[in-house]
Amino acid sequence: MKLPESLKLITDTLWRIETPEDFSWIFEDILTPAEITDMADRITILQMLKAWKSQRDIAETLGVSITTVSRGNRVLQYGKGNIDKYLLS
């Protein structure tokens, strides 16, 4: 399946979810524990970057590579900005 079709399938499915609990249960069903923690790390990285934490500090705090943190930084610098309004501060 190509990216546009994949995104549409995922979006259409997630829009039907009614509660935060259901989101958690569905993610537990379809993602591995490692995928869930990776996603949480990515969101945390973005939040910490938005709070002006250094990339090195973020990597050390979360136990991830500096490359992973740099990817998050690129998302904030060059991405479309869609995630910004959903990040908790």
C-alpha atoms as a PDB file:
ATOM      1  CA  MET A   1       0.000   0.000   0.000  1.00  0.00           C
ATOM      2  CA  LYS A   2       1.329   3.447  -0.869  1.00  0.00           C
ATOM      3  CA  LEU A   3       1.719   6.260   1.640  1.00  0.00           C
ATOM      4  CA  PRO A   4      -1.410   8.268   0.724  1.00  0.00           C
ATOM      5  CA  GLU A   5      -3.619   5.189   0.924  1.00  0.00           C
ATOM      6  CA  SER A   6      -1.968   4.103   4.148  1.00  0.00           C
ATOM      7  CA  LEU A   7      -2.511   7.505   5.763  1.00  0.00           C
ATOM      8  CA  LYS A   8      -6.146   7.546   4.652  1.00  0.00           C
ATOM      9  CA  LEU A   9      -6.785   4.080   6.086  1.00  0.00           C
ATOM     10  CA  ILE A  10      -5.153   5.003   9.403  1.00  0.00           C
ATOM     11  CA  THR A  11      -6.919   8.365   9.606  1.00  0.00           C
ATOM     12  CA  ASP A  12     -10.320   6.919   8.727  1.00  0.00           C
ATOM     13  CA  THR A  13      -9.903   4.227  11.370  1.00  0.00           C
ATOM     14  CA  LEU A  14      -8.666   6.537  14.136  1.00  0.00           C
ATOM     15  CA  TRP A  15     -11.497   9.022  13.547  1.00  0.00           C
ATOM     16  CA  ARG A  16     -13.952   6.330  14.615  1.00  0.00           C
ATOM     17  CA  ILE A  17     -12.345   5.941  18.039  1.00  0.00           C
ATOM     18  CA  GLU A  18     -14.599   7.479  20.670  1.00  0.00           C
ATOM     19  CA  THR A  19     -12.610   7.646  23.930  1.00  0.00           C
ATOM     20  CA  PRO A  20      -9.017   8.037  25.113  1.00  0.00           C
ATOM     21  CA  GLU A  21      -9.289   4.570  26.679  1.00  0.00           C
ATOM     22  CA  ASP A  22     -10.208   3.130  23.292  1.00  0.00           C
ATOM     23  CA  PHE A  23      -7.146   4.807  21.770  1.00  0.00           C
ATOM     24  CA  SER A  24      -4.938   3.113  24.359  1.00  0.00           C
ATOM     25  CA  TRP A  25      -6.536  -0.280  23.813  1.00  0.00           C
ATOM     26  CA  ILE A  26      -6.295  -0.039  20.042  1.00  0.00           C
ATOM     27  CA  PHE A  27      -2.648   1.007  20.167  1.00  0.00           C
ATOM     28  CA  GLU A  28      -1.943  -1.916  22.497  1.00  0.00           C
ATOM     29  CA  ASP A  29      -3.661  -4.231  20.012  1.00  0.00           C
ATOM     30  CA  ILE A  30      -1.940  -3.065  16.828  1.00  0.00           C
ATOM     31  CA  LEU A  31       1.479  -1.831  18.007  1.00  0.00           C
ATOM     32  CA  THR A  32       4.279  -3.657  19.762  1.00  0.00           C
ATOM     33  CA  PRO A  33       5.449  -2.350  23.150  1.00  0.00           C
ATOM     34  CA  ALA A  34       8.619  -1.093  21.439  1.00  0.00           C
ATOM     35  CA  GLU A  35       6.589   0.828  18.843  1.00  0.00           C
ATOM     36  CA  ILE A  36       4.516   2.438  21.586  1.00  0.00           C
ATOM     37  CA  THR A  37       7.585   3.531  23.559  1.00  0.00           C
ATOM     38  CA  ASP A  38       9.266   4.782  20.359  1.00  0.00           C
ATOM     39  CA  MET A  39       6.218   6.907  19.583  1.00  0.00           C
ATOM     40  CA  ALA A  40       6.152   8.254  23.152  1.00  0.00           C
ATOM     41  CA  ASP A  41       9.882   9.038  22.922  1.00  0.00           C
ATOM     42  CA  ARG A  42       9.353  10.953  19.679  1.00  0.00           C
ATOM     43  CA  ILE A  43       6.577  13.038  21.209  1.00  0.00           C
ATOM     44  CA  THR A  44       8.648  13.670  24.352  1.00  0.00           C
ATOM     45  CA  ILE A  45      11.617  14.712  22.203  1.00  0.00           C
ATOM     46  CA  LEU A  46       9.449  17.244  20.370  1.00  0.00           C
ATOM     47  CA  GLN A  47       8.082  18.599  23.658  1.00  0.00           C
ATOM     48  CA  MET A  48      11.566  18.947  25.124  1.00  0.00           C
ATOM     49  CA  LEU A  49      12.882  20.637  21.982  1.00  0.00           C
ATOM     50  CA  LYS A  50       9.977  23.091  22.115  1.00  0.00           C
ATOM     51  CA  ALA A  51      10.990  23.811  25.735  1.00  0.00           C
ATOM     52  CA  TRP A  52      14.499  24.694  24.476  1.00  0.00           C
ATOM     53  CA  LYS A  53      16.284  21.695  25.995  1.00  0.00           C
ATOM     54  CA  SER A  54      19.582  20.872  24.295  1.00  0.00           C
ATOM     55  CA  GLN A  55      19.709  17.894  21.970  1.00  0.00           C
ATOM     56  CA  ARG A  56      22.480  16.308  24.020  1.00  0.00           C
ATOM     57  CA  ASP A  57      20.498  16.681  27.275  1.00  0.00           C
ATOM     58  CA  ILE A  58      17.422  15.168  25.652  1.00  0.00           C
ATOM     59  CA  ALA A  59      19.390  12.199  24.342  1.00  0.00           C
ATOM     60  CA  GLU A  60      20.940  11.576  27.755  1.00  0.00           C
ATOM     61  CA  THR A  61      17.668  12.023  29.649  1.00  0.00           C
ATOM     62  CA  LEU A  62      15.688   9.653  27.421  1.00  0.00           C
ATOM     63  CA  GLY A  63      18.496   7.225  26.653  1.00  0.00           C
ATOM     64  CA  VAL A  64      18.121   7.688  22.900  1.00  0.00           C
ATOM     65  CA  SER A  65      20.684   8.504  20.250  1.00  0.00           C
ATOM     66  CA  ILE A  66      21.515  12.055  19.276  1.00  0.00           C
ATOM     67  CA  THR A  67      20.424  11.036  15.750  1.00  0.00           C
ATOM     68  CA  THR A  68      16.907  10.322  17.046  1.00  0.00           C
ATOM     69  CA  VAL A  69      16.790  13.735  18.713  1.00  0.00           C
ATOM     70  CA  SER A  70      18.148  15.414  15.572  1.00  0.00           C
ATOM     71  CA  ARG A  71      15.331  13.837  13.564  1.00  0.00           C
ATOM     72  CA  GLY A  72      12.837  15.429  15.939  1.00  0.00           C
ATOM     73  CA  ASN A  73      14.584  18.752  15.546  1.00  0.00           C
ATOM     74  CA  ARG A  74      14.290  18.468  11.756  1.00  0.00           C
ATOM     75  CA  VAL A  75      10.555  17.811  12.148  1.00  0.00           C
ATOM     76  CA  LEU A  76      10.168  21.070  14.064  1.00  0.00           C
ATOM     77  CA  GLN A  77      12.418  23.066  11.737  1.00  0.00           C
ATOM     78  CA  TYR A  78      11.380  21.756   8.342  1.00  0.00           C
ATOM     79  CA  GLY A  79       8.131  19.871   8.884  1.00  0.00           C
ATOM     80  CA  LYS A  80       4.721  21.207   8.008  1.00  0.00           C
ATOM     81  CA  GLY A  81       4.089  22.279  11.615  1.00  0.00           C
ATOM     82  CA  ASN A  82       1.077  20.020  12.046  1.00  0.00           C
ATOM     83  CA  ILE A  83       2.285  18.454  15.315  1.00  0.00           C
ATOM     84  CA  ASP A  84       2.960  21.782  17.053  1.00  0.00           C
ATOM     85  CA  LYS A  85      -0.619  22.473  18.122  1.00  0.00           C
ATOM     86  CA  TYR A  86      -0.951  19.024  19.694  1.00  0.00           C
ATOM     87  CA  LEU A  87       2.215  18.998  21.808  1.00  0.00           C
ATOM     88  CA  LEU A  88       1.713  19.387  25.534  1.00  0.00           C
ATOM     89  CA  SER A  89       4.007  21.870  27.192  1.00  0.00           C
END
